[in-house]
Amino acid sequence: YIHFDARKSIGVSKKIDMQMKAFN
């Protein structure tokens, strides 16, 4: 899962965590 410094945003960071959980 590749992103470009997207965790600066709290909302985007939460979404990445949820997507990673679903993928894994």
PDB file of all heavy atoms in Angstrom:
ATOM      1  N   TYR A   1       0.872  -1.175   0.000  1.00  0.00           N
ATOM      2  CA  TYR A   1       0.000   0.000   0.000  1.00  0.00           C
ATOM      3  C   TYR A   1       0.911   1.228   0.000  1.00  0.00           C
ATOM      4  O   TYR A   1       1.623   1.477   0.970  1.00  0.00           O
ATOM      5  CB  TYR A   1      -0.893  -0.010   1.241  1.00  0.00           C
ATOM      6  CG  TYR A   1      -1.964   1.059   1.261  1.00  0.00           C
ATOM      7  CD1 TYR A   1      -3.308   0.717   1.256  1.00  0.00           C
ATOM      8  CD2 TYR A   1      -1.631   2.421   1.307  1.00  0.00           C
ATOM      9  CE1 TYR A   1      -4.304   1.685   1.284  1.00  0.00           C
ATOM     10  CE2 TYR A   1      -2.616   3.391   1.331  1.00  0.00           C
ATOM     11  CZ  TYR A   1      -3.948   3.018   1.326  1.00  0.00           C
ATOM     12  OH  TYR A   1      -4.924   3.987   1.347  1.00  0.00           O
ATOM     13  N   ILE A   2       0.897   1.978  -1.097  1.00  0.00           N
ATOM     14  CA  ILE A   2       1.830   3.088  -1.265  1.00  0.00           C
ATOM     15  C   ILE A   2       1.077   4.416  -1.237  1.00  0.00           C
ATOM     16  O   ILE A   2       0.062   4.589  -1.922  1.00  0.00           O
ATOM     17  CB  ILE A   2       2.602   2.938  -2.588  1.00  0.00           C
ATOM     18  CG1 ILE A   2       3.485   1.680  -2.520  1.00  0.00           C
ATOM     19  CG2 ILE A   2       3.448   4.176  -2.871  1.00  0.00           C
ATOM     20  CD1 ILE A   2       4.239   1.386  -3.796  1.00  0.00           C
ATOM     21  N   HIS A   3       1.566   5.337  -0.434  1.00  0.00           N
ATOM     22  CA  HIS A   3       0.993   6.684  -0.419  1.00  0.00           C
ATOM     23  C   HIS A   3       2.120   7.700  -0.278  1.00  0.00           C
ATOM     24  O   HIS A   3       3.262   7.355   0.048  1.00  0.00           O
ATOM     25  CB  HIS A   3      -0.031   6.845   0.703  1.00  0.00           C
ATOM     26  CG  HIS A   3       0.523   6.645   2.084  1.00  0.00           C
ATOM     27  ND1 HIS A   3       1.083   7.666   2.817  1.00  0.00           N
ATOM     28  CD2 HIS A   3       0.591   5.538   2.864  1.00  0.00           C
ATOM     29  CE1 HIS A   3       1.471   7.208   3.987  1.00  0.00           C
ATOM     30  NE2 HIS A   3       1.195   5.909   4.046  1.00  0.00           N
ATOM     31  N   PHE A   4       1.789   8.941  -0.520  1.00  0.00           N
ATOM     32  CA  PHE A   4       2.790   9.997  -0.582  1.00  0.00           C
ATOM     33  C   PHE A   4       2.581  10.967   0.581  1.00  0.00           C
ATOM     34  O   PHE A   4       1.930  11.996   0.447  1.00  0.00           O
ATOM     35  CB  PHE A   4       2.726  10.696  -1.941  1.00  0.00           C
ATOM     36  CG  PHE A   4       3.063   9.760  -3.075  1.00  0.00           C
ATOM     37  CD1 PHE A   4       2.105   8.897  -3.603  1.00  0.00           C
ATOM     38  CD2 PHE A   4       4.354   9.701  -3.581  1.00  0.00           C
ATOM     39  CE1 PHE A   4       2.423   8.011  -4.620  1.00  0.00           C
ATOM     40  CE2 PHE A   4       4.681   8.821  -4.601  1.00  0.00           C
ATOM     41  CZ  PHE A   4       3.711   7.972  -5.116  1.00  0.00           C
ATOM     42  N   ASP A   5       3.110  10.563   1.735  1.00  0.00           N
ATOM     43  CA  ASP A   5       3.040  11.367   2.957  1.00  0.00           C
ATOM     44  C   ASP A   5       1.598  11.711   3.317  1.00  0.00           C
ATOM     45  O   ASP A   5       1.309  12.806   3.809  1.00  0.00           O
ATOM     46  CB  ASP A   5       3.866  12.645   2.784  1.00  0.00           C
ATOM     47  CG  ASP A   5       4.493  13.103   4.100  1.00  0.00           C
ATOM     48  OD1 ASP A   5       4.391  12.348   5.082  1.00  0.00           O
ATOM     49  OD2 ASP A   5       5.060  14.196   4.147  1.00  0.00           O
ATOM     50  N   ALA A   6       0.683  10.769   3.094  1.00  0.00           N
ATOM     51  CA  ALA A   6      -0.744  11.047   3.283  1.00  0.00           C
ATOM     52  C   ALA A   6      -1.154  11.067   4.748  1.00  0.00           C
ATOM     53  O   ALA A   6      -2.239  11.553   5.079  1.00  0.00           O
ATOM     54  CB  ALA A   6      -1.577  10.014   2.527  1.00  0.00           C
ATOM     55  N   ARG A   7      -0.324  10.558   5.640  1.00  0.00           N
ATOM     56  CA  ARG A   7      -0.718  10.490   7.051  1.00  0.00           C
ATOM     57  C   ARG A   7      -0.652  11.844   7.756  1.00  0.00           C
ATOM     58  O   ARG A   7      -0.931  11.922   8.963  1.00  0.00           O
ATOM     59  CB  ARG A   7       0.121   9.450   7.781  1.00  0.00           C
ATOM     60  CG  ARG A   7      -0.272   8.014   7.431  1.00  0.00           C
ATOM     61  CD  ARG A   7       0.263   7.030   8.430  1.00  0.00           C
ATOM     62  NE  ARG A   7      -0.110   5.651   8.158  1.00  0.00           N
ATOM     63  CZ  ARG A   7      -1.236   5.086   8.595  1.00  0.00           C
ATOM     64  NH1 ARG A   7      -2.101   5.795   9.289  1.00  0.00           N
ATOM     65  NH2 ARG A   7      -1.511   3.813   8.321  1.00  0.00           N
ATOM     66  N   LYS A   8      -0.314  12.890   7.036  1.00  0.00           N
ATOM     67  CA  LYS A   8      -0.382  14.228   7.631  1.00  0.00           C
ATOM     68  C   LYS A   8      -1.815  14.598   7.979  1.00  0.00           C
ATOM     69  O   LYS A   8      -2.061  15.415   8.864  1.00  0.00           O
ATOM     70  CB  LYS A   8       0.203  15.260   6.666  1.00  0.00           C
ATOM     71  CG  LYS A   8       1.714  15.226   6.553  1.00  0.00           C
ATOM     72  CD  LYS A   8       2.204  16.311   5.614  1.00  0.00           C
ATOM     73  CE  LYS A   8       3.730  16.327   5.553  1.00  0.00           C
ATOM     74  NZ  LYS A   8       4.227  17.372   4.618  1.00  0.00           N
ATOM     75  N   SER A   9      -2.762  14.031   7.253  1.00  0.00           N
ATOM     76  CA  SER A   9      -4.180  14.263   7.501  1.00  0.00           C
ATOM     77  C   SER A   9      -4.716  13.180   8.432  1.00  0.00           C
ATOM     78  O   SER A   9      -4.555  11.985   8.165  1.00  0.00           O
ATOM     79  CB  SER A   9      -4.963  14.250   6.184  1.00  0.00           C
ATOM     80  OG  SER A   9      -6.349  14.101   6.415  1.00  0.00           O
ATOM     81  N   ILE A  10      -5.372  13.586   9.537  1.00  0.00           N
ATOM     82  CA  ILE A  10      -5.922  12.617  10.496  1.00  0.00           C
ATOM     83  C   ILE A  10      -6.972  11.747   9.817  1.00  0.00           C
ATOM     84  O   ILE A  10      -7.004  10.528   9.991  1.00  0.00           O
ATOM     85  CB  ILE A  10      -6.530  13.356  11.707  1.00  0.00           C
ATOM     86  CG1 ILE A  10      -5.437  14.080  12.489  1.00  0.00           C
ATOM     87  CG2 ILE A  10      -7.265  12.372  12.612  1.00  0.00           C
ATOM     88  CD1 ILE A  10      -5.951  14.936  13.630  1.00  0.00           C
ATOM     89  N   GLY A  11      -7.844  12.384   9.013  1.00  0.00           N
ATOM     90  CA  GLY A  11      -8.900  11.638   8.343  1.00  0.00           C
ATOM     91  C   GLY A  11      -8.356  10.616   7.364  1.00  0.00           C
ATOM     92  O   GLY A  11      -8.818   9.466   7.330  1.00  0.00           O
ATOM     93  N   VAL A  12      -7.363  11.011   6.571  1.00  0.00           N
ATOM     94  CA  VAL A  12      -6.763  10.091   5.602  1.00  0.00           C
ATOM     95  C   VAL A  12      -6.018   8.978   6.333  1.00  0.00           C
ATOM     96  O   VAL A  12      -6.055   7.818   5.915  1.00  0.00           O
ATOM     97  CB  VAL A  12      -5.817  10.844   4.645  1.00  0.00           C
ATOM     98  CG1 VAL A  12      -5.074   9.870   3.746  1.00  0.00           C
ATOM     99  CG2 VAL A  12      -6.603  11.838   3.792  1.00  0.00           C
ATOM    100  N   SER A  13      -5.356   9.327   7.419  1.00  0.00           N
ATOM    101  CA  SER A  13      -4.624   8.320   8.183  1.00  0.00           C
ATOM    102  C   SER A  13      -5.574   7.247   8.709  1.00  0.00           C
ATOM    103  O   SER A  13      -5.279   6.042   8.659  1.00  0.00           O
ATOM    104  CB  SER A  13      -3.887   8.990   9.349  1.00  0.00           C
ATOM    105  OG  SER A  13      -3.052   8.068  10.009  1.00  0.00           O
ATOM    106  N   LYS A  14      -6.750   7.658   9.195  1.00  0.00           N
ATOM    107  CA  LYS A  14      -7.755   6.692   9.663  1.00  0.00           C
ATOM    108  C   LYS A  14      -8.203   5.794   8.512  1.00  0.00           C
ATOM    109  O   LYS A  14      -8.373   4.583   8.676  1.00  0.00           O
ATOM    110  CB  LYS A  14      -8.964   7.440  10.235  1.00  0.00           C
ATOM    111  CG  LYS A  14      -8.742   8.018  11.619  1.00  0.00           C
ATOM    112  CD  LYS A  14      -9.889   8.936  12.019  1.00  0.00           C
ATOM    113  CE  LYS A  14     -11.213   8.221  12.021  1.00  0.00           C
ATOM    114  NZ  LYS A  14     -12.333   9.132  12.437  1.00  0.00           N
ATOM    115  N   LYS A  15      -8.386   6.402   7.339  1.00  0.00           N
ATOM    116  CA  LYS A  15      -8.830   5.608   6.191  1.00  0.00           C
ATOM    117  C   LYS A  15      -7.768   4.595   5.784  1.00  0.00           C
ATOM    118  O   LYS A  15      -8.088   3.434   5.466  1.00  0.00           O
ATOM    119  CB  LYS A  15      -9.156   6.533   5.019  1.00  0.00           C
ATOM    120  CG  LYS A  15      -9.643   5.777   3.799  1.00  0.00           C
ATOM    121  CD  LYS A  15      -9.992   6.718   2.668  1.00  0.00           C
ATOM    122  CE  LYS A  15     -10.419   5.929   1.439  1.00  0.00           C
ATOM    123  NZ  LYS A  15     -10.749   6.793   0.298  1.00  0.00           N
ATOM    124  N   ILE A  16      -6.510   4.995   5.774  1.00  0.00           N
ATOM    125  CA  ILE A  16      -5.432   4.069   5.430  1.00  0.00           C
ATOM    126  C   ILE A  16      -5.433   2.884   6.400  1.00  0.00           C
ATOM    127  O   ILE A  16      -5.305   1.727   5.984  1.00  0.00           O
ATOM    128  CB  ILE A  16      -4.065   4.783   5.445  1.00  0.00           C
ATOM    129  CG1 ILE A  16      -3.979   5.789   4.280  1.00  0.00           C
ATOM    130  CG2 ILE A  16      -2.916   3.776   5.356  1.00  0.00           C
ATOM    131  CD1 ILE A  16      -2.756   6.675   4.322  1.00  0.00           C
ATOM    132  N   ASP A  17      -5.595   3.165   7.685  1.00  0.00           N
ATOM    133  CA  ASP A  17      -5.629   2.086   8.681  1.00  0.00           C
ATOM    134  C   ASP A  17      -6.772   1.114   8.390  1.00  0.00           C
ATOM    135  O   ASP A  17      -6.598  -0.115   8.479  1.00  0.00           O
ATOM    136  CB  ASP A  17      -5.787   2.662  10.086  1.00  0.00           C
ATOM    137  CG  ASP A  17      -4.528   3.347  10.589  1.00  0.00           C
ATOM    138  OD1 ASP A  17      -3.437   3.034  10.068  1.00  0.00           O
ATOM    139  OD2 ASP A  17      -4.630   4.196  11.498  1.00  0.00           O
ATOM    140  N   MET A  18      -7.946   1.644   8.047  1.00  0.00           N
ATOM    141  CA  MET A  18      -9.097   0.788   7.770  1.00  0.00           C
ATOM    142  C   MET A  18      -8.873  -0.050   6.515  1.00  0.00           C
ATOM    143  O   MET A  18      -9.201  -1.242   6.467  1.00  0.00           O
ATOM    144  CB  MET A  18     -10.362   1.640   7.635  1.00  0.00           C
ATOM    145  CG  MET A  18     -10.846   2.239   8.951  1.00  0.00           C
ATOM    146  SD  MET A  18     -12.446   3.074   8.813  1.00  0.00           S
ATOM    147  CE  MET A  18     -12.038   4.506   7.813  1.00  0.00           C
ATOM    148  N   GLN A  19      -8.310   0.576   5.473  1.00  0.00           N
ATOM    149  CA  GLN A  19      -8.042  -0.166   4.241  1.00  0.00           C
ATOM    150  C   GLN A  19      -6.985  -1.235   4.453  1.00  0.00           C
ATOM    151  O   GLN A  19      -7.113  -2.356   3.944  1.00  0.00           O
ATOM    152  CB  GLN A  19      -7.618   0.805   3.138  1.00  0.00           C
ATOM    153  CG  GLN A  19      -8.739   1.699   2.638  1.00  0.00           C
ATOM    154  CD  GLN A  19      -8.268   2.659   1.573  1.00  0.00           C
ATOM    155  OE1 GLN A  19      -7.209   3.268   1.681  1.00  0.00           O
ATOM    156  NE2 GLN A  19      -9.055   2.816   0.519  1.00  0.00           N
ATOM    157  N   MET A  20      -5.949  -0.902   5.205  1.00  0.00           N
ATOM    158  CA  MET A  20      -4.901  -1.889   5.496  1.00  0.00           C
ATOM    159  C   MET A  20      -5.478  -3.074   6.252  1.00  0.00           C
ATOM    160  O   MET A  20      -5.123  -4.236   5.989  1.00  0.00           O
ATOM    161  CB  MET A  20      -3.782  -1.222   6.306  1.00  0.00           C
ATOM    162  CG  MET A  20      -2.884  -0.291   5.506  1.00  0.00           C
ATOM    163  SD  MET A  20      -1.755  -1.208   4.426  1.00  0.00           S
ATOM    164  CE  MET A  20      -0.725  -2.039   5.633  1.00  0.00           C
ATOM    165  N   LYS A  21      -6.358  -2.803   7.193  1.00  0.00           N
ATOM    166  CA  LYS A  21      -6.993  -3.871   7.963  1.00  0.00           C
ATOM    167  C   LYS A  21      -7.797  -4.786   7.045  1.00  0.00           C
ATOM    168  O   LYS A  21      -7.713  -6.023   7.140  1.00  0.00           O
ATOM    169  CB  LYS A  21      -7.894  -3.267   9.039  1.00  0.00           C
ATOM    170  CG  LYS A  21      -8.605  -4.296   9.914  1.00  0.00           C
ATOM    171  CD  LYS A  21      -9.454  -3.603  10.972  1.00  0.00           C
ATOM    172  CE  LYS A  21     -10.233  -4.610  11.802  1.00  0.00           C
ATOM    173  NZ  LYS A  21     -11.097  -3.921  12.823  1.00  0.00           N
ATOM    174  N   ALA A  22      -8.557  -4.194   6.111  1.00  0.00           N
ATOM    175  CA  ALA A  22      -9.358  -4.990   5.179  1.00  0.00           C
ATOM    176  C   ALA A  22      -8.465  -5.802   4.246  1.00  0.00           C
ATOM    177  O   ALA A  22      -8.738  -6.983   3.979  1.00  0.00           O
ATOM    178  CB  ALA A  22     -10.271  -4.069   4.365  1.00  0.00           C
ATOM    179  N   PHE A  23      -7.396  -5.202   3.753  1.00  0.00           N
ATOM    180  CA  PHE A  23      -6.469  -5.928   2.881  1.00  0.00           C
ATOM    181  C   PHE A  23      -5.833  -7.106   3.610  1.00  0.00           C
ATOM    182  O   PHE A  23      -5.728  -8.211   3.067  1.00  0.00           O
ATOM    183  CB  PHE A  23      -5.377  -4.993   2.373  1.00  0.00           C
ATOM    184  CG  PHE A  23      -5.721  -4.241   1.122  1.00  0.00           C
ATOM    185  CD1 PHE A  23      -5.486  -2.869   1.025  1.00  0.00           C
ATOM    186  CD2 PHE A  23      -6.254  -4.887   0.017  1.00  0.00           C
ATOM    187  CE1 PHE A  23      -5.796  -2.172  -0.135  1.00  0.00           C
ATOM    188  CE2 PHE A  23      -6.563  -4.199  -1.144  1.00  0.00           C
ATOM    189  CZ  PHE A  23      -6.339  -2.846  -1.216  1.00  0.00           C
ATOM    190  N   ASN A  24      -5.381  -6.862   4.827  1.00  0.00           N
ATOM    191  CA  ASN A  24      -4.639  -7.894   5.546  1.00  0.00           C
ATOM    192  C   ASN A  24      -5.527  -9.014   6.082  1.00  0.00           C
ATOM    193  O   ASN A  24      -5.015 -10.044   6.536  1.00  0.00           O
ATOM    194  CB  ASN A  24      -3.812  -7.271   6.669  1.00  0.00           C
ATOM    195  CG  ASN A  24      -2.507  -6.680   6.152  1.00  0.00           C
ATOM    196  OD1 ASN A  24      -1.765  -7.351   5.432  1.00  0.00           O
ATOM    197  ND2 ASN A  24      -2.238  -5.430   6.476  1.00  0.00           N
TER     198      ASN A  24
END
